Amino acid sequence: MSNSSNVFQFPQNFGLGGVAAGNGWQAHTNEQINQTLDAAWDAGVRYFDTSPFYGYGLSERRFGHFLFEKDRSEYVLSTKIGRIFEADPKFAPGSAGLWKGRLNFKFRYDYTADGVKRSIEDSLQRLGLSSIDVVFVHDLSPDNGDLGDRWTEQFDIAAKGAFPALAQLREEGIIKAWGLGVNRPQPILKALEVADPDVMLVAIQYTLFEHEDALTNLFPAMAEKNVKAVIGGPLNGGFAAGLDRWNYGPGLPQEMVDKRKRIKAIADQYNVSVSTVALQFAAQHPVVGAVIPGASRPEQVQENVRSFHTDVPAALWKALKDERLIHPDSPAGT
């Protein structure tokens, strides 16, 4: 199946991811997140990605509160389905892994057609908005510890339920596009065979530090079906920006620490930051529609947007290829 008649277009090749707005890694005040969203808008960001899972509804509430004041025709908003949230008066702070602070909800997985409709209705209520542009089927993947090997059972449920329901919502004009939001290639490749998605949120799979499998296997399969990629986690959880954190933690692979040091030595010669190199690397592949680094402070989002507008010399990309720090077939610098 091909959806060549419906190639989804993003307003620009960058956006803002919503993990920090859900108190990912650490708690942030409403004021701080609002200032960050203000800075993003002022810097020209018009694509915002969130999820009910980010802070158990908190990220959607914060994004919605901010975007409520904006002209709905001026921005693109994506969120996710797959988990249904219910009030939990017994919620214990510190019990939600990556998400910090008081969240007051619990969830169950639901990849059925009814689950899609319920999740989207709940998201619209939390956001306070009348429409969502893109819906991603979230975390239907072997690396989801809750699902483990049972992810294929849940995938079969989604293939009969969530996927056709989202395709119908797209046909009805209620959403503009749909796909999967996952950290591994297998579910994406499987979905390309059984459905007609428009865009995939490809998280931590096509980054400066790890990209060979996506470059050689995943992206060609997506290109064949005219399916675009949104790159989530392009800085590998802040690692490319100098944080001692790799993806969603814990653990810091020494191999990647050494690689970062070597990349930085080359980038320094051209007076370009590693985070700029990382963001531009991700944005240059023709399958990629948008790259969505996260940010918890105004200066972070401003720096990220500047990175997308920075001229990175062709000689820098050549040096990275010569040193085998990026794949020689990567389109970066071409």
Protein backbone atom coordinates (compact mmCIF):
# COMPACT_ATOMS: atom_id res chain seq x y z
CA MET A 1 0.00 0.00 0.00
CA SER A 2 1.21 3.49 -0.74
CA ASN A 3 -0.05 6.84 0.44
CA SER A 4 1.79 8.84 -2.22
CA SER A 5 -1.22 11.14 -2.60
CA ASN A 6 -0.92 12.25 1.00
CA VAL A 7 2.68 13.19 1.85
CA PHE A 8 2.40 15.21 5.04
CA GLN A 9 4.26 18.54 5.09
CA PHE A 10 5.70 20.09 8.25
CA PRO A 11 5.90 23.90 8.58
CA GLN A 12 9.69 23.70 8.87
CA ASN A 13 12.35 21.03 9.43
CA PHE A 14 12.47 21.52 13.20
CA GLY A 15 10.09 21.49 16.12
CA LEU A 16 9.92 21.05 19.88
CA GLY A 17 9.55 17.76 21.71
CA GLY A 18 7.40 17.65 24.85
CA VAL A 19 9.31 15.39 27.26
CA ALA A 20 10.60 18.25 29.44
CA ALA A 21 7.08 19.72 29.67
CA GLY A 22 6.06 16.41 31.24
CA ASN A 23 8.78 16.74 33.90
CA GLY A 24 11.06 14.26 32.20
CA TRP A 25 14.19 13.61 34.32
CA GLN A 26 13.36 16.48 36.67
CA ALA A 27 10.42 18.61 37.77
CA HIS A 28 9.97 22.01 36.11
CA THR A 29 7.58 24.78 37.10
CA ASN A 30 4.68 25.84 34.90
CA GLU A 31 6.35 29.23 34.60
CA GLN A 32 9.63 27.77 33.35
CA ILE A 33 7.91 25.60 30.72
CA ASN A 34 5.75 28.51 29.61
CA GLN A 35 8.84 30.71 29.19
CA THR A 36 10.44 27.92 27.14
CA LEU A 37 7.38 27.61 24.91
CA ASP A 38 7.30 31.40 24.51
CA ALA A 39 10.96 31.36 23.47
CA ALA A 40 10.26 28.53 21.01
CA TRP A 41 7.39 30.43 19.40
CA ASP A 42 9.41 33.66 19.22
CA ALA A 43 12.27 31.72 17.59
CA GLY A 44 9.91 30.49 14.88
CA VAL A 45 9.02 26.98 16.11
CA ARG A 46 5.64 25.98 14.69
CA TYR A 47 5.67 22.22 15.24
CA PHE A 48 5.00 20.87 18.73
CA ASP A 49 5.04 17.19 19.70
CA THR A 50 3.59 15.87 22.94
CA SER A 51 2.04 12.71 24.40
CA PRO A 52 -0.36 11.69 27.16
CA PHE A 53 2.51 9.59 28.53
CA TYR A 54 4.79 12.62 29.06
CA GLY A 55 4.12 13.39 32.70
CA TYR A 56 0.88 11.37 32.64
CA GLY A 57 -1.00 14.21 30.94
CA LEU A 58 1.09 17.11 32.22
CA SER A 59 2.89 17.83 28.93
CA GLU A 60 -0.40 17.96 27.01
CA ARG A 61 -1.95 20.28 29.60
CA ARG A 62 1.02 22.65 29.47
CA PHE A 63 1.24 22.64 25.66
CA GLY A 64 -2.49 23.16 25.36
CA HIS A 65 -2.51 26.04 27.82
CA PHE A 66 0.19 27.76 25.77
CA LEU A 67 -1.21 27.01 22.31
CA PHE A 68 -4.74 28.03 23.31
CA GLU A 69 -3.71 31.65 22.78
CA LYS A 70 -2.32 30.99 19.28
CA ASP A 71 -4.01 30.95 15.89
CA ARG A 72 -4.76 27.26 15.25
CA SER A 73 -3.81 27.60 11.57
CA GLU A 74 -0.27 28.73 12.45
CA TYR A 75 1.13 25.55 14.01
CA VAL A 76 1.21 21.77 13.72
CA LEU A 77 0.55 19.61 16.79
CA SER A 78 1.19 15.91 17.22
CA THR A 79 0.33 13.66 20.14
CA LYS A 80 0.13 9.92 20.76
CA ILE A 81 -2.24 7.06 21.51
CA GLY A 82 -1.74 3.67 23.16
CA ARG A 83 -2.27 4.43 26.83
CA ILE A 84 -5.51 5.40 28.56
CA PHE A 85 -5.11 7.46 31.74
CA GLU A 86 -7.35 7.39 34.78
CA ALA A 87 -7.30 9.34 38.04
CA ASP A 88 -5.21 7.72 40.76
CA PRO A 89 -5.68 9.27 44.22
CA LYS A 90 -3.02 6.87 45.53
CA PHE A 91 -0.33 8.07 43.12
CA ALA A 92 3.04 8.12 44.88
CA PRO A 93 5.56 10.74 43.65
CA GLY A 94 8.69 9.02 42.38
CA SER A 95 6.79 5.97 41.13
CA ALA A 96 6.68 6.96 37.45
CA GLY A 97 10.26 6.32 36.34
CA LEU A 98 11.42 9.07 33.99
CA TRP A 99 8.58 11.38 35.07
CA LYS A 100 9.11 13.43 38.23
CA GLY A 101 6.81 15.20 40.67
CA ARG A 102 3.16 14.64 41.49
CA LEU A 103 1.22 13.21 38.52
CA ASN A 104 -2.02 11.80 40.04
CA PHE A 105 -2.80 9.33 37.24
CA LYS A 106 -2.32 5.71 36.23
CA PHE A 107 -2.59 4.10 32.80
CA ARG A 108 -3.45 0.94 30.92
CA TYR A 109 -2.50 0.05 27.36
CA ASP A 110 -5.20 0.07 24.70
CA TYR A 111 -4.37 -0.23 21.00
CA THR A 112 -7.95 -0.98 19.88
CA ALA A 113 -10.11 1.25 17.68
CA ASP A 114 -12.14 2.27 20.75
CA GLY A 115 -8.86 2.97 22.58
CA VAL A 116 -7.82 5.35 19.79
CA LYS A 117 -11.07 7.29 19.97
CA ARG A 118 -11.01 7.46 23.78
CA SER A 119 -7.35 8.54 23.82
CA ILE A 120 -7.85 11.29 21.23
CA GLU A 121 -10.95 12.59 23.04
CA ASP A 122 -9.02 12.63 26.33
CA SER A 123 -6.09 14.43 24.67
CA LEU A 124 -8.37 17.10 23.21
CA GLN A 125 -9.83 17.67 26.68
CA ARG A 126 -6.37 17.95 28.29
CA LEU A 127 -5.09 20.19 25.49
CA GLY A 128 -8.23 22.34 25.44
CA LEU A 129 -7.92 22.43 21.65
CA SER A 130 -10.37 21.42 18.94
CA SER A 131 -8.02 19.41 16.72
CA ILE A 132 -4.82 17.38 16.53
CA ASP A 133 -2.83 17.24 13.28
CA VAL A 134 -0.74 14.08 13.66
CA VAL A 135 -1.33 11.02 15.87
CA PHE A 136 1.46 8.54 16.64
CA VAL A 137 0.85 5.02 17.98
CA HIS A 138 3.19 5.16 20.96
CA ASP A 139 5.72 2.65 22.33
CA LEU A 140 4.37 -0.38 20.47
CA SER A 141 7.89 -1.73 20.43
CA PRO A 142 10.14 -4.52 21.79
CA ASP A 143 12.09 -2.08 23.98
CA ASN A 144 8.93 -1.18 25.94
CA GLY A 145 9.60 -3.03 29.20
CA ASP A 146 5.88 -3.22 30.02
CA LEU A 147 5.21 -5.19 26.83
CA GLY A 148 8.47 -7.09 26.28
CA ASP A 149 8.02 -10.02 23.88
CA ARG A 150 4.26 -9.45 23.98
CA TRP A 151 4.64 -6.37 21.82
CA THR A 152 3.77 -8.45 18.74
CA GLU A 153 0.45 -9.47 20.34
CA GLN A 154 -0.32 -5.81 20.95
CA PHE A 155 0.81 -5.00 17.40
CA ASP A 156 -1.75 -7.47 16.04
CA ILE A 157 -4.44 -5.72 18.10
CA ALA A 158 -3.30 -2.36 16.68
CA ALA A 159 -3.23 -3.69 13.12
CA LYS A 160 -6.91 -4.64 13.44
CA GLY A 161 -7.92 -1.71 15.67
CA ALA A 162 -5.76 1.41 15.99
CA PHE A 163 -4.36 1.49 12.44
CA PRO A 164 -7.69 1.30 10.56
CA ALA A 165 -9.28 3.70 13.06
CA LEU A 166 -6.55 6.28 12.48
CA ALA A 167 -6.77 5.82 8.70
CA GLN A 168 -10.51 6.46 8.93
CA LEU A 169 -10.00 9.59 11.07
CA ARG A 170 -7.57 10.82 8.43
CA GLU A 171 -10.07 10.13 5.64
CA GLU A 172 -12.72 12.04 7.59
CA GLY A 173 -10.35 14.99 8.00
CA ILE A 174 -10.36 14.77 11.81
CA ILE A 175 -6.58 14.25 11.75
CA LYS A 176 -4.17 15.00 8.91
CA ALA A 177 -1.67 12.17 9.34
CA TRP A 178 -0.73 9.18 11.51
CA GLY A 179 2.08 6.75 12.14
CA LEU A 180 4.09 5.10 14.92
CA GLY A 181 6.27 6.71 17.58
CA VAL A 182 8.88 4.13 18.61
CA ASN A 183 12.56 3.66 19.50
CA ARG A 184 13.14 0.57 17.33
CA PRO A 185 12.80 -0.17 13.60
CA GLN A 186 10.89 -3.48 13.73
CA PRO A 187 7.40 -2.03 14.44
CA ILE A 188 7.82 0.61 11.74
CA LEU A 189 8.85 -1.94 9.10
CA LYS A 190 5.94 -4.18 10.14
CA ALA A 191 3.45 -1.28 9.97
CA LEU A 192 4.63 -0.35 6.47
CA GLU A 193 3.60 -3.84 5.35
CA VAL A 194 0.11 -3.90 6.85
CA ALA A 195 -1.10 -0.26 6.82
CA ASP A 196 -0.70 3.08 5.04
CA PRO A 197 0.84 5.49 7.59
CA ASP A 198 2.06 8.96 6.62
CA VAL A 199 4.86 9.75 9.04
CA MET A 200 6.89 7.90 11.66
CA LEU A 201 8.39 9.35 14.82
CA VAL A 202 11.79 7.65 14.61
CA ALA A 203 13.27 8.12 18.09
CA ILE A 204 16.97 7.60 18.94
CA GLN A 205 17.51 5.62 15.72
CA TYR A 206 18.92 8.22 13.34
CA THR A 207 21.34 10.35 15.33
CA LEU A 208 24.90 11.54 14.89
CA PHE A 209 26.03 8.75 17.20
CA GLU A 210 23.89 5.85 15.97
CA HIS A 211 22.39 5.79 12.49
CA GLU A 212 23.63 2.95 10.30
CA ASP A 213 20.56 0.69 10.56
CA ALA A 214 18.12 3.54 9.91
CA LEU A 215 20.23 4.82 7.02
CA THR A 216 20.64 1.48 5.26
CA ASN A 217 17.41 -0.38 6.11
CA LEU A 218 14.65 1.71 7.67
CA PHE A 219 14.77 4.91 5.62
CA PRO A 220 14.86 3.14 2.22
CA ALA A 221 11.73 1.17 3.23
CA MET A 222 10.01 4.38 4.34
CA ALA A 223 11.05 6.25 1.18
CA GLU A 224 9.52 3.51 -0.96
CA LYS A 225 6.13 4.19 0.68
CA ASN A 226 6.52 8.00 0.73
CA VAL A 227 6.48 7.97 4.52
CA LYS A 228 8.25 10.85 6.26
CA ALA A 229 10.30 10.66 9.48
CA VAL A 230 10.21 12.89 12.52
CA ILE A 231 13.47 12.47 14.43
CA GLY A 232 12.89 12.21 18.17
CA GLY A 233 15.77 12.25 20.63
CA PRO A 234 18.21 13.75 18.08
CA LEU A 235 20.62 14.72 20.88
CA ASN A 236 20.43 11.24 22.46
CA GLY A 237 18.87 12.56 25.68
CA GLY A 238 21.14 15.63 25.80
CA PHE A 239 24.31 13.58 25.28
CA ALA A 240 25.23 15.57 22.14
CA ALA A 241 24.81 18.78 24.14
CA GLY A 242 27.41 17.61 26.66
CA LEU A 243 25.24 15.96 29.30
CA ASP A 244 26.47 12.73 30.86
CA ARG A 245 23.18 11.04 29.99
CA TRP A 246 22.57 8.60 27.16
CA ASN A 247 19.06 8.39 25.71
CA TYR A 248 16.55 7.59 28.45
CA GLY A 249 19.20 6.26 30.87
CA PRO A 250 20.57 4.82 33.01
CA GLY A 251 24.06 3.97 31.83
CA LEU A 252 26.61 5.84 29.75
CA PRO A 253 28.31 3.70 27.05
CA GLN A 254 32.06 4.34 27.05
CA GLU A 255 32.15 3.75 23.31
CA MET A 256 29.80 6.74 22.83
CA VAL A 257 31.77 8.92 25.27
CA ASP A 258 34.91 8.24 23.21
CA LYS A 259 33.04 8.93 19.97
CA ARG A 260 31.72 12.24 21.30
CA LYS A 261 35.25 13.28 22.24
CA ARG A 262 36.51 12.54 18.72
CA ILE A 263 33.59 14.34 17.07
CA LYS A 264 34.09 17.35 19.35
CA ALA A 265 37.78 17.56 18.42
CA ILE A 266 36.81 17.88 14.74
CA ALA A 267 33.83 20.21 15.36
CA ASP A 268 36.02 22.50 17.49
CA GLN A 269 38.34 23.06 14.53
CA TYR A 270 35.40 24.64 12.67
CA ASN A 271 33.98 26.45 15.72
CA VAL A 272 30.74 24.45 15.58
CA SER A 273 29.11 22.78 18.61
CA VAL A 274 28.51 19.03 18.71
CA SER A 275 24.79 19.66 19.26
CA THR A 276 24.65 21.75 16.07
CA VAL A 277 26.39 18.97 14.16
CA ALA A 278 23.93 16.44 15.64
CA LEU A 279 20.80 18.42 14.77
CA GLN A 280 21.96 19.24 11.25
CA PHE A 281 23.03 15.65 10.66
CA ALA A 282 19.51 14.43 11.48
CA ALA A 283 17.79 17.13 9.40
CA GLN A 284 19.70 16.51 6.17
CA HIS A 285 18.25 13.14 5.21
CA PRO A 286 15.54 13.52 2.52
CA VAL A 287 13.16 11.16 4.37
CA VAL A 288 13.23 13.46 7.42
CA GLY A 289 10.39 15.96 7.65
CA ALA A 290 11.27 17.45 11.04
CA VAL A 291 13.70 17.09 13.94
CA ILE A 292 12.31 17.66 17.44
CA PRO A 293 14.87 18.21 20.19
CA GLY A 294 13.44 18.83 23.63
CA ALA A 295 14.14 21.83 25.84
CA SER A 296 13.35 22.78 29.43
CA ARG A 297 14.75 26.33 29.37
CA PRO A 298 14.41 29.26 26.94
CA GLU A 299 18.13 29.38 26.18
CA GLN A 300 18.10 25.69 25.20
CA VAL A 301 15.36 26.10 22.64
CA GLN A 302 16.97 29.29 21.28
CA GLU A 303 20.30 27.49 20.90
CA ASN A 304 18.63 24.54 19.16
CA VAL A 305 16.86 26.78 16.65
CA ARG A 306 20.11 28.64 15.95
CA SER A 307 21.73 25.27 15.26
CA PHE A 308 19.31 24.60 12.41
CA HIS A 309 20.27 27.93 10.81
CA THR A 310 24.04 27.54 11.26
CA ASP A 311 26.28 26.94 8.26
CA VAL A 312 28.21 23.73 8.86
CA PRO A 313 31.20 23.54 6.48
CA ALA A 314 31.29 20.65 4.01
CA ALA A 315 34.86 20.01 5.19
CA LEU A 316 33.55 19.15 8.68
CA TRP A 317 31.22 16.47 7.28
CA LYS A 318 34.03 15.13 5.11
CA ALA A 319 36.34 14.89 8.12
CA LEU A 320 33.68 12.97 10.08
CA LYS A 321 33.25 10.56 7.17
CA ASP A 322 37.01 10.17 6.67
CA GLU A 323 37.35 9.28 10.35
CA ARG A 324 34.42 6.84 10.04
CA LEU A 325 32.56 8.78 12.73
CA ILE A 326 29.51 8.97 10.46
CA HIS A 327 28.50 6.52 7.76
CA PRO A 328 30.15 7.30 4.40
CA ASP A 329 26.77 7.02 2.62
CA SER A 330 25.13 9.58 4.91
CA PRO A 331 23.70 12.54 2.93
CA ALA A 332 25.20 14.97 5.47
CA GLY A 333 27.24 17.60 3.67
CA THR A 334 26.17 16.56 0.17
